[in-house]
C-alpha atoms as a PDB file:
ATOM      1  CA  MET A   1      53.896  78.487  33.315  1.00  0.00           C
ATOM      2  CA  ALA A   2      55.037  77.401  36.801  1.00  0.00           C
ATOM      3  CA  ILE A   3      58.368  78.039  38.366  1.00  0.00           C
ATOM      4  CA  GLY A   4      60.063  75.220  40.240  1.00  0.00           C
ATOM      5  CA  ALA A   5      59.885  71.467  40.305  1.00  0.00           C
ATOM      6  CA  GLU A   6      56.596  70.163  39.019  1.00  0.00           C
ATOM      7  CA  ASP A   7      56.919  66.440  39.378  1.00  0.00           C
ATOM      8  CA  TYR A   8      58.630  63.987  41.785  1.00  0.00           C
ATOM      9  CA  ILE A   9      61.781  63.508  39.673  1.00  0.00           C
ATOM     10  CA  ASP A  10      62.283  67.296  39.382  1.00  0.00           C
ATOM     11  CA  GLN A  11      61.881  67.611  43.161  1.00  0.00           C
ATOM     12  CA  LEU A  12      64.495  64.970  43.758  1.00  0.00           C
ATOM     13  CA  LEU A  13      66.897  66.680  41.384  1.00  0.00           C
ATOM     14  CA  VAL A  14      66.300  69.963  43.128  1.00  0.00           C
ATOM     15  CA  LYS A  15      67.032  68.433  46.520  1.00  0.00           C
ATOM     16  CA  LYS A  16      70.120  66.678  45.184  1.00  0.00           C
ATOM     17  CA  TYR A  17      71.709  69.813  43.543  1.00  0.00           C
ATOM     18  CA  ALA A  18      70.433  72.455  46.008  1.00  0.00           C
ATOM     19  CA  ASP A  19      73.774  72.694  47.874  1.00  0.00           C
ATOM     20  CA  GLU A  20      76.052  72.319  44.811  1.00  0.00           C
ATOM     21  CA  LYS A  21      78.307  75.168  43.990  1.00  0.00           C
ATOM     22  CA  VAL A  22      78.564  75.826  40.248  1.00  0.00           C
ATOM     23  CA  ASP A  23      79.671  79.406  40.008  1.00  0.00           C
ATOM     24  CA  ASN A  24      83.427  78.826  40.195  1.00  0.00           C
ATOM     25  CA  HIS A  25      84.281  81.856  37.898  1.00  0.00           C
ATOM     26  CA  ASP A  26      87.109  82.789  40.315  1.00  0.00           C
ATOM     27  CA  ASN A  27      89.085  79.648  39.352  1.00  0.00           C
ATOM     28  CA  MET A  28      88.773  80.209  35.635  1.00  0.00           C
ATOM     29  CA  GLU A  29      90.731  82.676  33.518  1.00  0.00           C
ATOM     30  CA  SER A  30      88.654  84.786  31.201  1.00  0.00           C
ATOM     31  CA  MET A  31      89.316  84.596  27.507  1.00  0.00           C
ATOM     32  CA  VAL A  32      88.359  88.277  27.122  1.00  0.00           C
ATOM     33  CA  ASP A  33      90.392  90.978  28.757  1.00  0.00           C
ATOM     34  CA  PRO A  34      87.875  93.080  30.811  1.00  0.00           C
ATOM     35  CA  ASN A  35      89.723  96.345  30.051  1.00  0.00           C
ATOM     36  CA  LYS A  36      89.519  95.757  26.332  1.00  0.00           C
ATOM     37  CA  MET A  37      85.815  94.813  26.689  1.00  0.00           C
ATOM     38  CA  MET A  38      85.084  97.961  28.681  1.00  0.00           C
ATOM     39  CA  GLY A  39      87.032 100.005  26.061  1.00  0.00           C
ATOM     40  CA  ALA A  40      85.009  98.477  23.240  1.00  0.00           C
ATOM     41  CA  MET A  41      81.768  99.172  25.094  1.00  0.00           C
ATOM     42  CA  ASN A  42      82.785 102.691  25.773  1.00  0.00           C
ATOM     43  CA  ASP A  43      83.671 103.174  22.044  1.00  0.00           C
ATOM     44  CA  TYR A  44      80.288 101.810  20.962  1.00  0.00           C
ATOM     45  CA  ALA A  45      78.463 104.045  23.478  1.00  0.00           C
ATOM     46  CA  SER A  46      80.328 107.198  22.480  1.00  0.00           C
ATOM     47  CA  MET A  47      79.705 106.336  18.744  1.00  0.00           C
ATOM     48  CA  TYR A  48      75.990 105.857  19.328  1.00  0.00           C
ATOM     49  CA  ARG A  49      75.856 109.139  21.322  1.00  0.00           C
ATOM     50  CA  ASN A  50      77.561 110.959  18.408  1.00  0.00           C
ATOM     51  CA  MET A  51      75.187 109.473  15.913  1.00  0.00           C
ATOM     52  CA  MET A  52      72.249 110.553  18.030  1.00  0.00           C
ATOM     53  CA  VAL A  53      73.564 114.155  18.181  1.00  0.00           C
ATOM     54  CA  LEU A  54      74.226 114.116  14.376  1.00  0.00           C
ATOM     55  CA  LYS A  55      70.657 112.950  13.788  1.00  0.00           C
ATOM     56  CA  GLN A  56      69.226 115.604  16.025  1.00  0.00           C
ATOM     57  CA  ARG A  57      71.272 118.319  14.240  1.00  0.00           C
ATOM     58  CA  LEU A  58      70.182 116.991  10.825  1.00  0.00           C
ATOM     59  CA  ASN A  59      66.555 117.047  11.939  1.00  0.00           C
ATOM     60  CA  ILE A  60      66.932 120.604  13.049  1.00  0.00           C
ATOM     61  CA  ALA A  61      68.557 121.629   9.779  1.00  0.00           C
ATOM     62  CA  CYS A  62      65.985 119.881   7.622  1.00  0.00           C
ATOM     63  CA  TYR A  63      63.148 121.434   9.648  1.00  0.00           C
ATOM     64  CA  ALA A  64      64.691 124.889   9.184  1.00  0.00           C
ATOM     65  CA  ILE A  65      65.096 124.362   5.418  1.00  0.00           C
ATOM     66  CA  ASN A  66      61.568 123.109   5.062  1.00  0.00           C
ATOM     67  CA  ALA A  67      60.104 125.973   7.093  1.00  0.00           C
ATOM     68  CA  ARG A  68      62.112 128.501   5.021  1.00  0.00           C
ATOM     69  CA  THR A  69      60.972 127.090   1.662  1.00  0.00           C
ATOM     70  CA  ALA A  70      57.324 126.557   2.719  1.00  0.00           C
ATOM     71  CA  ARG A  71      54.777 128.403   0.569  1.00  0.00           C
ATOM     72  CA  TYR A  72      51.604 129.373   2.334  1.00  0.00           C
ATOM     73  CA  ASN A  73      48.489 130.048   0.348  1.00  0.00           C
ATOM     74  CA  LYS A  74      45.708 132.365   1.517  1.00  0.00           C
ATOM     75  CA  THR A  75      42.401 130.781   1.146  1.00  0.00           C
ATOM     76  CA  SER A  76      39.131 132.601   1.645  1.00  0.00           C
ATOM     77  CA  ARG A  77      36.452 130.975   3.705  1.00  0.00           C
ATOM     78  CA  TYR A  78      32.912 131.850   2.820  1.00  0.00           C
END
């Protein structure tokens, strides 16, 4: 898969729109408050971090319970 204009029409379009400015985000007002968005992202990240810590603690507890209740049998070889 090539990047860029492949045929003559695409090359003409690239030349025509090469100097056009389309990122006029400074002129537009955002529909989402950036502070609220960052707050929501922070809440999500802290929730995920807490879930990871809980999962780790649960794994440690389950491992300890399984190790404590394990029964080992002696087997004689030969």
